[in-house]
Amino acid sequence: MEFVNQEEVVDLLDEYGIEEIGKGADCVFLQMGDGEGVVHMHLACPESSCKPRKGASMMPVAKDKLPQVIASMINRLHLNQVVLVPIGKWRTVFDAVAFSMAQNEIKQVREDWQAFDAAATVELNTRDPLLCDPGDFHTIMALMRALLSDASNPDQGLLLIATASPVLVELVPDGAVRVSLGSQVLADELAEAFAG
């Protein structure tokens, strides 16, 4: 995991039709535009107050199963590299997950998180994107589980953007995942995964 400059991600966002849709107090929200072939999905637990995007297909998923569903998406779509961007600042994310990540039952996740936490000190007051490779995915999944368990504010959400495919995933801490896929082919791949 390494932080990259925001400018390095701007071209990727433009290429995939991802745009800023609103700012709150220290929050920035992104969404993929409704271009040709774009498919939107909304996965949420019954308790979630997150509103689905207009035209999104809905899928009920238990809150504790959402990280597993995201992991399945990453595997099914063969994503080799992703960029994580916080909705708020990294500090809000770290504040929410600090205890859970430090106490994670998997030693490798704890060690990776401790190394990352130490290196991230200068990035906490930024929204700088975090580039992640497949070796980091176990830590990303643990981070998402911790956010769904411990986060309580929208600014503690995360955006996951694939670097090689038009895929945007937004994790909403109260138990929802908004997914935008840039083609029907990608949507069909996921539909097969969910059906199986």
Protein backbone atom coordinates (compact mmCIF):
# COMPACT_ATOMS: atom_id res chain seq x y z
CA MET A 1 0.00 0.00 0.00
CA GLU A 2 1.34 3.39 -0.93
CA PHE A 3 -0.12 6.85 -1.08
CA VAL A 4 -0.16 8.54 -4.47
CA ASN A 5 -0.80 12.13 -5.43
CA GLN A 6 -4.41 13.03 -6.25
CA GLU A 7 -3.36 14.31 -9.66
CA GLU A 8 -2.21 10.80 -10.56
CA VAL A 9 -5.77 9.55 -10.19
CA VAL A 10 -7.55 12.39 -12.03
CA ASP A 11 -6.89 10.88 -15.49
CA LEU A 12 -8.25 7.54 -14.30
CA LEU A 13 -11.43 9.20 -13.00
CA ASP A 14 -11.90 11.08 -16.28
CA GLU A 15 -11.34 7.92 -18.33
CA TYR A 16 -14.00 6.04 -16.38
CA GLY A 17 -16.50 8.90 -16.29
CA ILE A 18 -16.23 9.27 -12.51
CA GLU A 19 -17.10 12.72 -11.26
CA GLU A 20 -17.47 14.60 -8.03
CA ILE A 21 -21.15 14.88 -7.11
CA GLY A 22 -21.08 16.79 -3.89
CA LYS A 23 -19.08 18.08 -1.04
CA GLY A 24 -20.08 18.22 2.55
CA ALA A 25 -18.06 19.41 5.48
CA ASP A 26 -14.71 17.79 4.67
CA CYS A 27 -16.39 15.14 2.50
CA VAL A 28 -16.23 14.50 -1.23
CA PHE A 29 -18.50 12.03 -3.00
CA LEU A 30 -17.81 10.48 -6.40
CA GLN A 31 -20.05 8.65 -8.83
CA MET A 32 -19.73 7.11 -12.26
CA GLY A 33 -21.81 8.90 -14.86
CA ASP A 34 -24.67 7.22 -16.71
CA GLY A 35 -22.72 6.56 -19.91
CA GLU A 36 -23.52 3.86 -22.41
CA GLY A 37 -23.44 0.43 -20.78
CA VAL A 38 -22.94 1.73 -17.22
CA VAL A 39 -24.69 -0.40 -14.61
CA HIS A 40 -25.33 0.66 -11.00
CA MET A 41 -25.99 -1.72 -8.12
CA HIS A 42 -26.96 -1.05 -4.52
CA LEU A 43 -26.22 -3.69 -1.91
CA ALA A 44 -27.52 -2.92 1.56
CA CYS A 45 -28.55 -4.45 4.83
CA PRO A 46 -32.14 -3.78 5.96
CA GLU A 47 -30.99 -1.31 8.66
CA SER A 48 -29.07 0.93 6.25
CA SER A 49 -30.42 4.44 5.67
CA CYS A 50 -28.24 4.87 2.56
CA LYS A 51 -30.38 5.86 -0.38
CA PRO A 52 -29.81 3.94 -3.62
CA ARG A 53 -28.75 5.77 -6.74
CA LYS A 54 -31.59 6.32 -9.19
CA GLY A 55 -31.87 3.33 -11.51
CA ALA A 56 -29.63 1.07 -9.41
CA SER A 57 -30.56 -2.57 -9.10
CA MET A 58 -31.12 -3.45 -5.46
CA MET A 59 -29.73 -6.44 -3.60
CA PRO A 60 -30.27 -7.11 0.11
CA VAL A 61 -27.09 -8.28 1.86
CA ALA A 62 -26.49 -8.75 5.60
CA LYS A 63 -24.09 -6.13 6.95
CA ASP A 64 -21.55 -8.69 8.11
CA LYS A 65 -21.50 -10.23 4.61
CA LEU A 66 -20.70 -7.01 2.72
CA PRO A 67 -16.87 -7.32 2.96
CA GLN A 68 -17.12 -10.88 1.67
CA VAL A 69 -19.26 -9.65 -1.25
CA ILE A 70 -16.68 -6.95 -2.06
CA ALA A 71 -13.90 -9.57 -1.94
CA SER A 72 -15.92 -11.75 -4.32
CA MET A 73 -16.31 -8.78 -6.68
CA ILE A 74 -12.57 -8.12 -6.66
CA ASN A 75 -11.87 -11.79 -7.40
CA ARG A 76 -14.59 -12.23 -10.00
CA LEU A 77 -13.57 -9.09 -11.90
CA HIS A 78 -9.86 -10.04 -11.66
CA LEU A 79 -8.88 -6.66 -10.21
CA ASN A 80 -5.12 -6.57 -9.78
CA GLN A 81 -4.78 -3.08 -8.44
CA VAL A 82 -7.21 -0.71 -6.75
CA VAL A 83 -7.12 2.81 -5.37
CA LEU A 84 -8.78 3.61 -2.05
CA VAL A 85 -10.02 7.16 -1.46
CA PRO A 86 -11.68 8.22 1.80
CA ILE A 87 -14.96 10.12 1.71
CA GLY A 88 -13.62 12.38 4.46
CA LYS A 89 -10.01 12.58 5.55
CA TRP A 90 -7.92 9.55 6.38
CA ARG A 91 -7.88 10.60 10.05
CA THR A 92 -11.61 9.85 10.38
CA VAL A 93 -11.10 6.38 8.89
CA PHE A 94 -8.10 5.63 11.12
CA ASP A 95 -9.93 6.91 14.21
CA ALA A 96 -12.83 4.54 13.52
CA VAL A 97 -10.78 1.40 12.91
CA ALA A 98 -7.67 1.84 15.10
CA PHE A 99 -8.70 -0.59 17.83
CA SER A 100 -10.22 -3.26 15.57
CA MET A 101 -7.28 -3.30 13.19
CA ALA A 102 -4.72 -3.44 16.03
CA GLN A 103 -6.64 -6.36 17.56
CA ASN A 104 -7.31 -8.22 14.29
CA GLU A 105 -7.21 -12.00 14.72
CA ILE A 106 -4.90 -12.45 11.73
CA LYS A 107 -1.32 -11.70 12.67
CA GLN A 108 -0.32 -10.68 9.12
CA VAL A 109 -3.17 -8.16 8.96
CA ARG A 110 -2.12 -6.69 12.34
CA GLU A 111 1.49 -6.40 11.23
CA ASP A 112 0.61 -4.91 7.84
CA TRP A 113 -1.75 -2.43 9.50
CA GLN A 114 0.84 -1.39 12.09
CA ALA A 115 3.41 -0.74 9.36
CA PHE A 116 0.86 1.16 7.30
CA ASP A 117 -0.38 3.13 10.32
CA ALA A 118 3.17 4.24 11.14
CA ALA A 119 3.86 5.28 7.53
CA ALA A 120 0.53 7.10 7.16
CA THR A 121 1.08 9.68 9.89
CA VAL A 122 1.76 12.53 7.45
CA GLU A 123 -1.25 11.58 5.29
CA LEU A 124 -3.93 11.61 8.00
CA ASN A 125 -5.19 15.11 7.23
CA THR A 126 -5.44 14.41 3.49
CA ARG A 127 -7.65 12.51 1.10
CA ASP A 128 -4.66 11.28 -0.89
CA PRO A 129 -5.46 8.06 -2.78
CA LEU A 130 -3.97 4.81 -1.55
CA LEU A 131 -2.72 2.42 -4.26
CA CYS A 132 -3.17 -1.24 -3.30
CA ASP A 133 -1.92 -4.43 -4.94
CA PRO A 134 -3.25 -7.99 -4.49
CA GLY A 135 -0.91 -8.55 -1.54
CA ASP A 136 -2.80 -5.78 0.28
CA PHE A 137 -6.31 -7.12 -0.34
CA HIS A 138 -6.50 -9.10 2.92
CA THR A 139 -5.79 -5.86 4.82
CA ILE A 140 -8.35 -3.95 2.71
CA MET A 141 -11.02 -6.54 3.55
CA ALA A 142 -10.16 -6.32 7.26
CA LEU A 143 -10.36 -2.52 7.00
CA MET A 144 -13.82 -2.73 5.42
CA ARG A 145 -15.03 -5.14 8.10
CA ALA A 146 -13.73 -2.78 10.78
CA LEU A 147 -15.45 0.22 9.16
CA LEU A 148 -18.78 -1.60 8.94
CA SER A 149 -18.42 -2.65 12.57
CA ASP A 150 -17.01 0.51 14.15
CA ALA A 151 -17.62 3.55 11.93
CA SER A 152 -20.69 5.67 12.47
CA ASN A 153 -20.36 8.69 10.19
CA PRO A 154 -20.63 9.04 6.39
CA ASP A 155 -17.19 10.72 6.26
CA GLN A 156 -15.67 7.42 7.43
CA GLY A 157 -16.69 5.71 4.18
CA LEU A 158 -14.31 4.55 1.47
CA LEU A 159 -14.26 4.55 -2.30
CA LEU A 160 -12.55 1.71 -4.15
CA ILE A 161 -11.61 2.41 -7.78
CA ALA A 162 -10.12 -0.24 -10.05
CA THR A 163 -7.10 0.89 -12.08
CA ALA A 164 -7.63 -1.40 -15.08
CA SER A 165 -11.44 -1.60 -15.35
CA PRO A 166 -14.25 0.92 -14.97
CA VAL A 167 -15.30 -0.13 -11.46
CA LEU A 168 -16.29 2.17 -8.60
CA VAL A 169 -17.32 0.78 -5.21
CA GLU A 170 -18.43 2.98 -2.31
CA LEU A 171 -18.55 1.49 1.17
CA VAL A 172 -21.13 3.30 3.31
CA PRO A 173 -20.45 2.61 7.01
CA ASP A 174 -24.08 2.12 8.00
CA GLY A 175 -24.26 -1.06 5.92
CA ALA A 176 -24.42 -0.36 2.20
CA VAL A 177 -22.24 -0.68 -0.87
CA ARG A 178 -22.87 1.33 -4.03
CA VAL A 179 -21.31 -0.28 -7.11
CA SER A 180 -20.94 1.25 -10.57
CA LEU A 181 -19.62 -0.79 -13.46
CA GLY A 182 -18.66 0.71 -16.80
CA SER A 183 -20.04 -2.08 -18.95
CA GLN A 184 -22.74 -4.72 -19.10
CA VAL A 185 -20.00 -7.35 -19.47
CA LEU A 186 -18.66 -6.48 -16.00
CA ALA A 187 -22.21 -6.50 -14.61
CA ASP A 188 -22.84 -9.95 -16.12
CA GLU A 189 -19.62 -11.24 -14.50
CA LEU A 190 -20.86 -10.06 -11.11
CA ALA A 191 -24.38 -11.41 -11.68
CA GLU A 192 -22.88 -14.86 -12.27
CA ALA A 193 -20.86 -14.57 -9.07
CA PHE A 194 -23.92 -13.55 -7.04
CA ALA A 195 -26.01 -16.33 -8.55
CA GLY A 196 -23.40 -18.98 -7.75
